N, C-alpha and C. Protein backbone atom coordinates (compact mmCIF):
# COMPACT_ATOMS: atom_id res chain seq x y z
N MET A 1 115.59 58.08 -20.39
CA MET A 1 116.61 57.29 -19.72
C MET A 1 117.53 58.57 -19.15
N SER A 2 118.18 59.28 -20.13
CA SER A 2 118.65 60.07 -20.11
C SER A 2 118.68 61.50 -19.07
N SER A 3 117.50 61.61 -19.12
CA SER A 3 116.76 62.79 -18.54
C SER A 3 116.94 62.41 -16.99
N GLN A 4 116.67 61.13 -16.61
CA GLN A 4 116.59 60.55 -15.22
C GLN A 4 118.28 60.52 -14.83
N LEU A 5 119.07 60.23 -15.83
CA LEU A 5 120.63 60.29 -15.21
C LEU A 5 121.05 61.53 -15.34
N ALA A 6 120.32 62.46 -16.00
CA ALA A 6 120.77 64.12 -15.98
C ALA A 6 120.33 64.60 -14.44
N ALA A 7 119.03 64.25 -14.05
CA ALA A 7 118.57 64.92 -13.06
C ALA A 7 119.40 64.26 -11.51
N ARG A 8 119.60 62.97 -11.97
CA ARG A 8 120.53 62.16 -10.65
C ARG A 8 122.04 62.90 -10.68
N SER A 9 122.45 63.42 -11.75
CA SER A 9 123.65 63.91 -11.72
C SER A 9 123.58 65.32 -11.22
N MET A 10 122.50 66.14 -11.47
CA MET A 10 122.39 67.51 -10.81
C MET A 10 122.05 67.30 -9.38
N MET A 11 121.35 66.33 -8.91
CA MET A 11 121.12 65.98 -7.28
C MET A 11 122.81 65.72 -6.61
N ALA A 12 123.43 65.15 -7.39
CA ALA A 12 124.56 64.71 -6.97
C ALA A 12 125.42 65.45 -6.86
N GLY A 13 125.22 66.67 -7.53
CA GLY A 13 126.46 67.59 -7.29
C GLY A 13 127.08 67.92 -8.71
N LYS A 14 126.80 66.98 -9.76
CA LYS A 14 127.49 66.67 -10.88
C LYS A 14 127.32 67.55 -12.01
N THR A 15 128.16 68.43 -12.90
CA THR A 15 127.62 69.07 -13.97
C THR A 15 127.14 68.36 -15.01
N PRO A 16 126.13 68.95 -15.49
CA PRO A 16 125.68 67.92 -16.54
C PRO A 16 126.64 68.08 -17.96
N SER A 17 126.58 67.08 -18.77
CA SER A 17 127.33 67.42 -20.00
C SER A 17 126.75 68.30 -20.67
N ILE A 18 127.72 68.97 -21.87
CA ILE A 18 127.31 70.12 -22.92
C ILE A 18 125.87 69.43 -23.68
N GLY A 19 125.93 68.31 -24.03
CA GLY A 19 124.42 67.71 -24.57
C GLY A 19 123.29 67.83 -23.55
N GLN A 20 123.39 67.48 -22.55
CA GLN A 20 122.38 67.40 -21.66
C GLN A 20 122.08 68.88 -21.08
N PHE A 21 123.21 70.03 -21.37
CA PHE A 21 122.79 71.16 -20.72
C PHE A 21 121.81 71.75 -22.17
N ASP A 22 122.41 71.57 -23.44
CA ASP A 22 121.68 72.01 -24.83
C ASP A 22 120.28 71.61 -24.68
N ASN A 23 120.21 70.45 -24.19
CA ASN A 23 118.68 69.47 -24.24
C ASN A 23 117.84 70.25 -23.16
N ARG A 24 118.20 70.42 -22.03
CA ARG A 24 117.70 71.50 -20.99
C ARG A 24 117.07 73.00 -21.83
N GLN A 25 118.29 73.67 -22.26
CA GLN A 25 118.07 74.87 -22.84
C GLN A 25 117.06 74.93 -23.48
N ASN A 26 117.24 73.56 -24.74
CA ASN A 26 115.80 73.67 -25.79
C ASN A 26 114.68 73.38 -25.11
N ILE A 27 114.40 72.55 -23.97
CA ILE A 27 113.11 72.50 -23.55
C ILE A 27 112.99 73.76 -22.53
N ALA A 28 113.72 74.50 -22.10
CA ALA A 28 113.45 75.52 -21.52
C ALA A 28 112.72 76.62 -22.37
N ASP A 29 113.70 76.71 -23.43
CA ASP A 29 113.21 77.86 -24.77
C ASP A 29 111.93 77.30 -25.08
N ARG A 30 111.47 76.05 -25.41
CA ARG A 30 109.99 75.92 -25.88
C ARG A 30 109.02 76.00 -25.00
N MET A 31 109.33 75.91 -23.63
CA MET A 31 108.45 76.01 -22.71
C MET A 31 108.13 77.48 -22.33
N GLU A 32 109.06 78.22 -22.77
CA GLU A 32 108.62 79.84 -22.25
C GLU A 32 107.88 80.20 -23.80
N ALA A 33 108.32 79.75 -24.77
CA ALA A 33 107.62 80.13 -26.25
C ALA A 33 105.94 79.62 -26.05
N LEU A 34 105.97 78.48 -25.28
CA LEU A 34 104.53 78.03 -25.14
C LEU A 34 103.93 79.02 -24.11
N ALA A 35 104.57 79.50 -23.10
CA ALA A 35 104.09 80.18 -21.89
C ALA A 35 103.22 81.64 -22.71
N ILE A 36 104.59 82.13 -23.57
CA ILE A 36 104.18 83.30 -24.26
C ILE A 36 102.95 83.02 -25.18
N GLU A 37 102.86 81.84 -25.80
CA GLU A 37 101.76 81.71 -26.71
C GLU A 37 100.46 81.78 -25.70
N LEU A 38 100.37 80.82 -24.70
CA LEU A 38 99.07 80.75 -23.96
C LEU A 38 98.66 81.99 -23.39
N ARG A 39 99.62 82.80 -23.02
CA ARG A 39 99.23 84.28 -22.45
C ARG A 39 98.40 85.13 -23.65
N THR A 40 98.67 84.72 -24.84
CA THR A 40 98.13 85.46 -25.94
C THR A 40 96.63 84.77 -26.28
N ILE A 41 96.56 83.89 -26.00
CA ILE A 41 95.04 83.06 -26.05
C ILE A 41 94.28 83.74 -25.17
N SER A 42 93.01 84.00 -25.87
CA SER A 42 91.97 84.34 -24.74
C SER A 42 91.30 83.20 -24.15
N ASP A 43 90.34 83.67 -22.99
CA ASP A 43 89.60 82.40 -22.53
C ASP A 43 88.68 81.85 -23.47
N ARG A 44 88.08 82.60 -24.46
CA ARG A 44 87.26 81.96 -25.20
C ARG A 44 87.90 80.82 -26.22
N GLU A 45 89.23 81.53 -26.47
CA GLU A 45 90.02 80.54 -27.65
C GLU A 45 90.39 79.03 -26.90
N LEU A 46 90.42 79.12 -25.68
CA LEU A 46 90.78 77.96 -24.89
C LEU A 46 89.80 76.95 -24.57
N GLU A 47 88.38 77.29 -24.98
CA GLU A 47 87.37 76.38 -24.81
C GLU A 47 87.49 75.16 -25.76
N THR A 48 86.73 74.11 -25.60
CA THR A 48 86.90 73.22 -26.47
C THR A 48 86.23 73.32 -27.67
N VAL A 49 87.09 72.55 -28.65
CA VAL A 49 86.60 72.85 -30.13
C VAL A 49 85.41 72.26 -30.17
N PRO A 50 84.43 72.82 -31.13
CA PRO A 50 83.11 72.51 -31.27
C PRO A 50 83.10 71.24 -32.01
N THR A 51 82.31 70.04 -31.56
CA THR A 51 82.04 68.85 -32.74
C THR A 51 81.40 69.06 -33.63
N GLU A 52 81.19 68.42 -34.59
CA GLU A 52 80.44 68.32 -35.72
C GLU A 52 79.09 68.63 -35.46
N GLN A 53 78.54 67.86 -34.44
CA GLN A 53 77.07 67.93 -33.97
C GLN A 53 76.78 69.27 -33.38
N THR A 54 77.64 69.86 -32.57
CA THR A 54 77.35 71.06 -32.05
C THR A 54 77.21 72.10 -32.96
N LEU A 55 77.98 71.92 -34.11
CA LEU A 55 77.97 73.01 -35.17
C LEU A 55 76.55 72.65 -36.07
N VAL A 56 76.22 71.49 -36.11
CA VAL A 56 74.80 71.35 -36.58
C VAL A 56 73.77 71.81 -35.96
N GLU A 57 74.02 71.53 -34.62
CA GLU A 57 72.98 72.03 -33.86
C GLU A 57 72.86 73.62 -33.65
N LEU A 58 74.22 74.34 -33.74
CA LEU A 58 74.11 75.64 -33.98
C LEU A 58 73.50 76.09 -35.32
N ALA A 59 73.84 75.68 -36.48
CA ALA A 59 73.30 75.92 -37.83
C ALA A 59 71.84 75.83 -37.69
N ALA A 60 71.10 74.85 -37.13
CA ALA A 60 69.67 74.51 -36.90
C ALA A 60 68.91 75.58 -35.96
N LYS A 61 69.75 76.04 -35.04
CA LYS A 61 69.35 76.97 -34.16
C LYS A 61 69.06 78.55 -34.98
N ILE A 62 70.16 78.86 -35.40
CA ILE A 62 70.25 79.97 -36.28
C ILE A 62 69.21 80.09 -37.46
N TYR A 63 68.79 78.80 -38.14
CA TYR A 63 68.23 78.91 -39.17
C TYR A 63 66.56 79.07 -38.62
N SER A 64 66.38 78.43 -37.50
CA SER A 64 65.21 78.49 -37.04
C SER A 64 65.07 80.02 -36.14
N ALA A 65 66.17 80.61 -35.56
CA ALA A 65 65.68 82.14 -34.94
C ALA A 65 65.50 82.84 -36.18
N ARG A 66 66.20 82.55 -37.53
CA ARG A 66 65.94 83.48 -38.57
C ARG A 66 64.26 83.40 -38.89
N ARG A 67 63.79 82.29 -39.06
CA ARG A 67 62.48 81.90 -39.49
C ARG A 67 61.55 82.76 -38.30
N LYS A 68 61.86 82.43 -37.04
CA LYS A 68 61.08 83.28 -35.81
C LYS A 68 61.00 84.87 -36.21
N VAL A 69 62.27 85.03 -36.37
CA VAL A 69 62.22 86.61 -36.49
C VAL A 69 61.39 87.23 -37.69
N ASP A 70 61.26 86.55 -38.89
CA ASP A 70 60.63 86.72 -40.05
C ASP A 70 59.11 86.58 -39.74
N GLU A 71 58.73 85.74 -38.58
CA GLU A 71 57.46 85.48 -38.58
C GLU A 71 56.89 86.82 -37.09
N ILE A 72 58.14 87.24 -36.17
CA ILE A 72 57.61 88.13 -35.33
C ILE A 72 57.41 89.61 -36.14
N PHE A 73 58.49 89.95 -37.39
CA PHE A 73 57.98 91.02 -38.03
C PHE A 73 57.28 91.11 -39.20
N ALA A 74 56.34 89.70 -39.21
CA ALA A 74 55.48 89.48 -40.30
C ALA A 74 56.01 89.79 -41.65
N MET A 75 57.25 89.46 -41.98
CA MET A 75 57.83 89.63 -43.16
C MET A 75 59.01 88.55 -43.63
N GLN A 76 58.76 87.97 -44.68
CA GLN A 76 59.74 86.89 -45.04
C GLN A 76 61.01 87.56 -45.38
N GLY A 77 62.18 87.19 -44.74
CA GLY A 77 63.40 87.63 -45.23
C GLY A 77 63.86 88.70 -44.37
N PHE A 78 62.94 89.23 -43.21
CA PHE A 78 63.33 90.35 -42.59
C PHE A 78 64.48 90.28 -41.70
N ALA A 79 64.73 88.87 -41.02
CA ALA A 79 66.11 88.47 -40.57
C ALA A 79 67.37 88.86 -41.30
N VAL A 80 67.17 88.70 -42.61
CA VAL A 80 68.50 88.82 -43.49
C VAL A 80 68.46 90.23 -44.12
N SER A 81 67.73 91.07 -43.88
CA SER A 81 67.58 92.33 -44.35
C SER A 81 68.48 93.47 -43.46
N PRO A 82 68.72 94.46 -44.13
CA PRO A 82 69.38 95.91 -43.56
C PRO A 82 68.48 96.06 -42.45
N ALA A 83 67.14 95.99 -42.65
CA ALA A 83 66.00 96.46 -41.28
C ALA A 83 66.50 95.77 -40.33
N TRP A 84 66.86 94.30 -40.08
CA TRP A 84 67.01 93.73 -38.84
C TRP A 84 68.06 94.28 -38.41
N ASP A 85 69.39 94.57 -39.19
CA ASP A 85 70.41 95.22 -38.49
C ASP A 85 70.22 96.48 -38.04
N MET A 86 69.31 97.29 -38.57
CA MET A 86 69.25 98.85 -38.12
C MET A 86 68.47 98.35 -36.62
N MET A 87 67.31 97.50 -36.66
CA MET A 87 66.67 97.44 -35.37
C MET A 87 67.26 97.12 -34.21
N LEU A 88 68.52 96.11 -34.58
CA LEU A 88 69.57 95.60 -33.37
C LEU A 88 70.21 96.77 -33.34
N ASP A 89 70.77 97.75 -34.01
CA ASP A 89 71.32 98.86 -33.75
C ASP A 89 70.84 99.89 -32.84
N LEU A 90 69.25 100.00 -33.20
CA LEU A 90 68.62 101.11 -32.67
C LEU A 90 68.30 100.51 -31.33
N TYR A 91 68.07 99.02 -31.04
CA TYR A 91 67.69 98.54 -29.92
C TYR A 91 68.99 98.82 -28.76
N GLN A 92 69.82 98.56 -29.32
CA GLN A 92 71.06 99.01 -28.59
C GLN A 92 71.22 100.24 -27.97
N ALA A 93 70.94 101.24 -28.74
CA ALA A 93 71.06 102.66 -28.52
C ALA A 93 69.91 103.01 -27.85
N LYS A 94 68.75 102.51 -27.69
CA LYS A 94 67.81 102.75 -26.77
C LYS A 94 68.04 102.24 -25.26
N VAL A 95 68.52 100.71 -25.28
CA VAL A 95 68.84 100.73 -24.05
C VAL A 95 69.86 101.26 -23.34
N GLN A 96 70.89 101.98 -24.12
CA GLN A 96 72.15 102.77 -23.73
C GLN A 96 71.72 104.22 -23.45
N GLY A 97 70.41 104.50 -23.80
CA GLY A 97 69.87 106.09 -23.83
C GLY A 97 70.60 106.96 -25.07
N LYS A 98 70.92 106.23 -25.92
CA LYS A 98 71.52 107.15 -26.87
C LYS A 98 70.60 107.48 -28.38
N LYS A 99 70.51 108.24 -29.00
CA LYS A 99 69.80 108.77 -30.14
C LYS A 99 70.77 108.24 -31.38
N ILE A 100 70.26 107.81 -32.27
CA ILE A 100 70.57 107.50 -33.44
C ILE A 100 70.14 108.49 -34.62
N SER A 101 71.06 108.81 -35.43
CA SER A 101 70.92 109.84 -36.61
C SER A 101 70.19 108.77 -37.75
N VAL A 102 69.54 109.39 -38.69
CA VAL A 102 69.02 108.72 -39.96
C VAL A 102 70.30 108.09 -40.60
N THR A 103 71.20 109.15 -40.81
CA THR A 103 72.43 108.56 -41.33
C THR A 103 73.15 107.26 -40.64
N SER A 104 73.45 107.66 -39.19
CA SER A 104 74.12 106.39 -38.51
C SER A 104 73.02 104.98 -38.63
N ALA A 105 71.85 105.41 -38.72
CA ALA A 105 70.98 104.05 -38.89
C ALA A 105 70.99 103.58 -40.05
N CYS A 106 71.41 104.10 -41.10
CA CYS A 106 71.55 103.37 -42.49
C CYS A 106 73.15 103.04 -42.46
N ILE A 107 73.80 103.35 -41.74
CA ILE A 107 75.25 102.81 -41.68
C ILE A 107 74.94 101.40 -41.13
N GLY A 108 74.36 101.52 -39.81
CA GLY A 108 74.14 100.20 -38.91
C GLY A 108 73.26 99.21 -39.91
N GLY A 109 72.85 99.69 -41.19
CA GLY A 109 71.81 98.54 -41.69
C GLY A 109 72.74 98.09 -42.83
N ALA A 110 74.15 98.58 -42.98
CA ALA A 110 75.18 98.03 -43.68
C ALA A 110 74.68 98.10 -45.29
N CYS A 111 74.30 99.11 -45.67
CA CYS A 111 73.53 99.20 -47.12
C CYS A 111 73.60 100.52 -47.36
N PRO A 112 73.59 100.77 -48.79
CA PRO A 112 73.28 102.00 -49.41
C PRO A 112 72.66 103.11 -48.81
N SER A 113 72.84 104.08 -48.64
CA SER A 113 71.79 105.01 -47.87
C SER A 113 70.26 104.99 -48.68
N THR A 114 70.26 105.07 -50.15
CA THR A 114 68.90 104.76 -50.41
C THR A 114 68.18 103.67 -50.05
N THR A 115 68.81 102.53 -50.02
CA THR A 115 68.35 101.31 -49.50
C THR A 115 67.76 101.61 -48.01
N GLY A 116 68.95 102.09 -47.39
CA GLY A 116 68.52 102.27 -45.91
C GLY A 116 67.46 103.18 -45.55
N LEU A 117 67.14 104.44 -46.36
CA LEU A 117 66.19 105.32 -46.21
C LEU A 117 64.83 104.46 -46.73
N ARG A 118 64.94 103.82 -47.61
CA ARG A 118 63.42 102.76 -48.05
C ARG A 118 63.02 101.90 -46.91
N TRP A 119 64.31 101.47 -46.16
CA TRP A 119 63.56 100.59 -44.92
C TRP A 119 63.23 101.35 -43.77
N LEU A 120 64.11 102.28 -43.67
CA LEU A 120 63.39 103.07 -42.56
C LEU A 120 62.25 103.94 -42.62
N GLN A 121 61.87 104.11 -43.43
CA GLN A 121 60.30 104.65 -44.11
C GLN A 121 59.30 103.21 -44.01
N ALA A 122 59.99 102.29 -44.31
CA ALA A 122 58.88 100.92 -44.26
C ALA A 122 58.88 100.52 -42.59
N LEU A 123 60.06 100.63 -41.80
CA LEU A 123 59.88 100.49 -40.48
C LEU A 123 59.12 101.24 -39.71
N GLU A 124 59.00 102.76 -40.10
CA GLU A 124 58.12 103.74 -39.90
C GLU A 124 56.86 103.24 -39.97
N ASN A 125 56.30 102.84 -41.44
CA ASN A 125 55.14 102.63 -41.38
C ASN A 125 54.74 101.37 -40.83
N MET A 126 55.49 100.54 -40.14
CA MET A 126 55.24 99.47 -39.45
C MET A 126 55.00 99.79 -37.98
N GLN A 127 55.23 101.03 -37.93
CA GLN A 127 55.20 101.40 -36.46
C GLN A 127 56.14 101.12 -35.43
N LEU A 128 57.47 100.59 -36.26
CA LEU A 128 58.49 100.15 -35.20
C LEU A 128 59.44 101.22 -34.79
N ILE A 129 59.63 102.11 -35.60
CA ILE A 129 60.48 103.17 -35.22
C ILE A 129 59.90 104.59 -35.16
N HIS A 130 60.47 105.69 -34.69
CA HIS A 130 59.65 106.89 -34.47
C HIS A 130 61.00 107.62 -35.16
N ARG A 131 60.58 108.56 -36.18
CA ARG A 131 61.72 109.68 -36.49
C ARG A 131 61.16 110.96 -36.38
N GLY A 132 62.10 111.99 -35.66
CA GLY A 132 61.74 113.07 -35.32
C GLY A 132 63.11 114.22 -35.01
N PRO A 133 62.75 115.29 -34.70
CA PRO A 133 64.11 116.08 -35.02
C PRO A 133 64.72 115.92 -33.69
N ASP A 134 66.27 116.28 -33.97
CA ASP A 134 67.12 116.24 -32.96
C ASP A 134 67.08 117.27 -32.13
N ILE A 135 66.86 117.35 -30.69
CA ILE A 135 66.92 118.64 -29.78
C ILE A 135 67.89 119.32 -29.75
N LYS A 136 68.95 118.53 -30.03
CA LYS A 136 70.36 119.59 -29.87
C LYS A 136 70.92 120.03 -31.02
N ASP A 137 70.32 119.57 -32.11
CA ASP A 137 70.74 119.90 -33.86
C ASP A 137 69.68 119.98 -34.60
N LYS A 138 68.81 121.05 -34.58
CA LYS A 138 67.70 120.95 -35.58
C LYS A 138 67.83 120.60 -36.90
N ARG A 139 69.11 120.57 -37.60
CA ARG A 139 69.19 120.15 -38.78
C ARG A 139 69.06 118.49 -39.17
N ARG A 140 69.37 117.89 -38.01
CA ARG A 140 69.46 116.49 -38.00
C ARG A 140 67.74 115.62 -37.41
N MET A 141 67.69 114.68 -38.23
CA MET A 141 66.58 113.73 -37.63
C MET A 141 67.20 112.69 -37.05
N VAL A 142 66.46 112.07 -35.87
CA VAL A 142 66.98 110.87 -34.86
C VAL A 142 65.87 109.97 -35.08
N ILE A 143 66.15 108.82 -35.00
CA ILE A 143 65.40 107.48 -35.18
C ILE A 143 65.43 107.00 -33.86
N GLU A 144 64.17 106.72 -33.42
CA GLU A 144 64.24 105.48 -31.92
C GLU A 144 63.25 104.27 -32.08
N LEU A 145 63.50 103.46 -31.54
CA LEU A 145 62.54 102.34 -31.32
C LEU A 145 61.20 102.70 -30.50
N THR A 146 59.96 102.44 -31.38
CA THR A 146 58.91 102.38 -30.76
C THR A 146 58.47 101.44 -29.16
N ASP A 147 57.87 101.63 -28.41
CA ASP A 147 57.73 100.59 -27.50
C ASP A 147 57.37 99.29 -28.39
N GLY A 148 56.78 99.35 -29.22
CA GLY A 148 56.25 97.97 -29.94
C GLY A 148 57.48 97.48 -30.83
N GLY A 149 58.27 98.36 -30.88
CA GLY A 149 59.36 97.82 -31.87
C GLY A 149 60.56 96.99 -31.07
N ARG A 150 60.69 97.68 -29.80
CA ARG A 150 61.62 97.28 -28.82
C ARG A 150 61.18 95.95 -28.16
N VAL A 151 59.69 95.24 -28.05
CA VAL A 151 59.20 94.48 -27.44
C VAL A 151 59.31 93.37 -28.71
N LYS A 152 59.27 93.83 -30.03
CA LYS A 152 59.48 92.74 -30.92
C LYS A 152 61.09 92.27 -31.27
N VAL A 153 61.57 93.38 -30.84
CA VAL A 153 63.35 93.01 -31.29
C VAL A 153 63.62 92.13 -29.86
N GLU A 154 63.29 92.14 -28.64
CA GLU A 154 63.50 91.20 -27.65
C GLU A 154 62.90 90.00 -27.69
N ARG A 155 61.74 89.79 -28.40
CA ARG A 155 61.04 88.58 -28.76
C ARG A 155 61.99 87.98 -29.79
N ALA A 156 62.34 88.45 -30.52
CA ALA A 156 63.32 88.10 -31.61
C ALA A 156 64.49 87.53 -30.92
N LEU A 157 65.07 88.52 -30.14
CA LEU A 157 66.30 88.21 -29.72
C LEU A 157 66.06 86.92 -29.04
N MET A 158 65.01 86.53 -28.20
CA MET A 158 65.19 85.71 -27.41
C MET A 158 65.24 84.11 -28.27
N SER A 159 64.71 84.36 -29.19
CA SER A 159 64.65 83.14 -30.14
C SER A 159 66.13 82.75 -30.59
N HIS A 160 67.13 83.37 -30.23
CA HIS A 160 68.43 83.10 -30.66
C HIS A 160 68.99 82.40 -29.33
N LEU A 161 68.51 82.62 -28.23
CA LEU A 161 68.85 81.74 -26.75
C LEU A 161 68.98 80.26 -26.75
């Protein structure tokens, strides 16, 4: 009711009382703070909050996709291994036309270099990757996906859609 009176007072050319002015200033300050906060929130954060059912369905999809990745690469646990991370890293590099060094491939696997080297050997034995000398720096070896490796990664990625 008081906001209506204040509005009428303003329209009638009357000066609002101190209390009315303070109240308006507080509202203006809060609105400005909210506007600043809204500008810092990304479009992604403004999307609706997922329901429990949505999260359950996502969990089932991730679980199913991991099993599918294991099936595609014919190795139980492949989807949670450093090898899968390496394959994802190598796939991105291949599509972008980049070469990945052995060291970078191990870093992409987020594992110790000894573990990464073992996985690279296994991926090479599976004919999913090819290891060769770096044309620009003969001291380095580079890794890239074979065509068969690329096909398997793409099939596995499709299971996540």
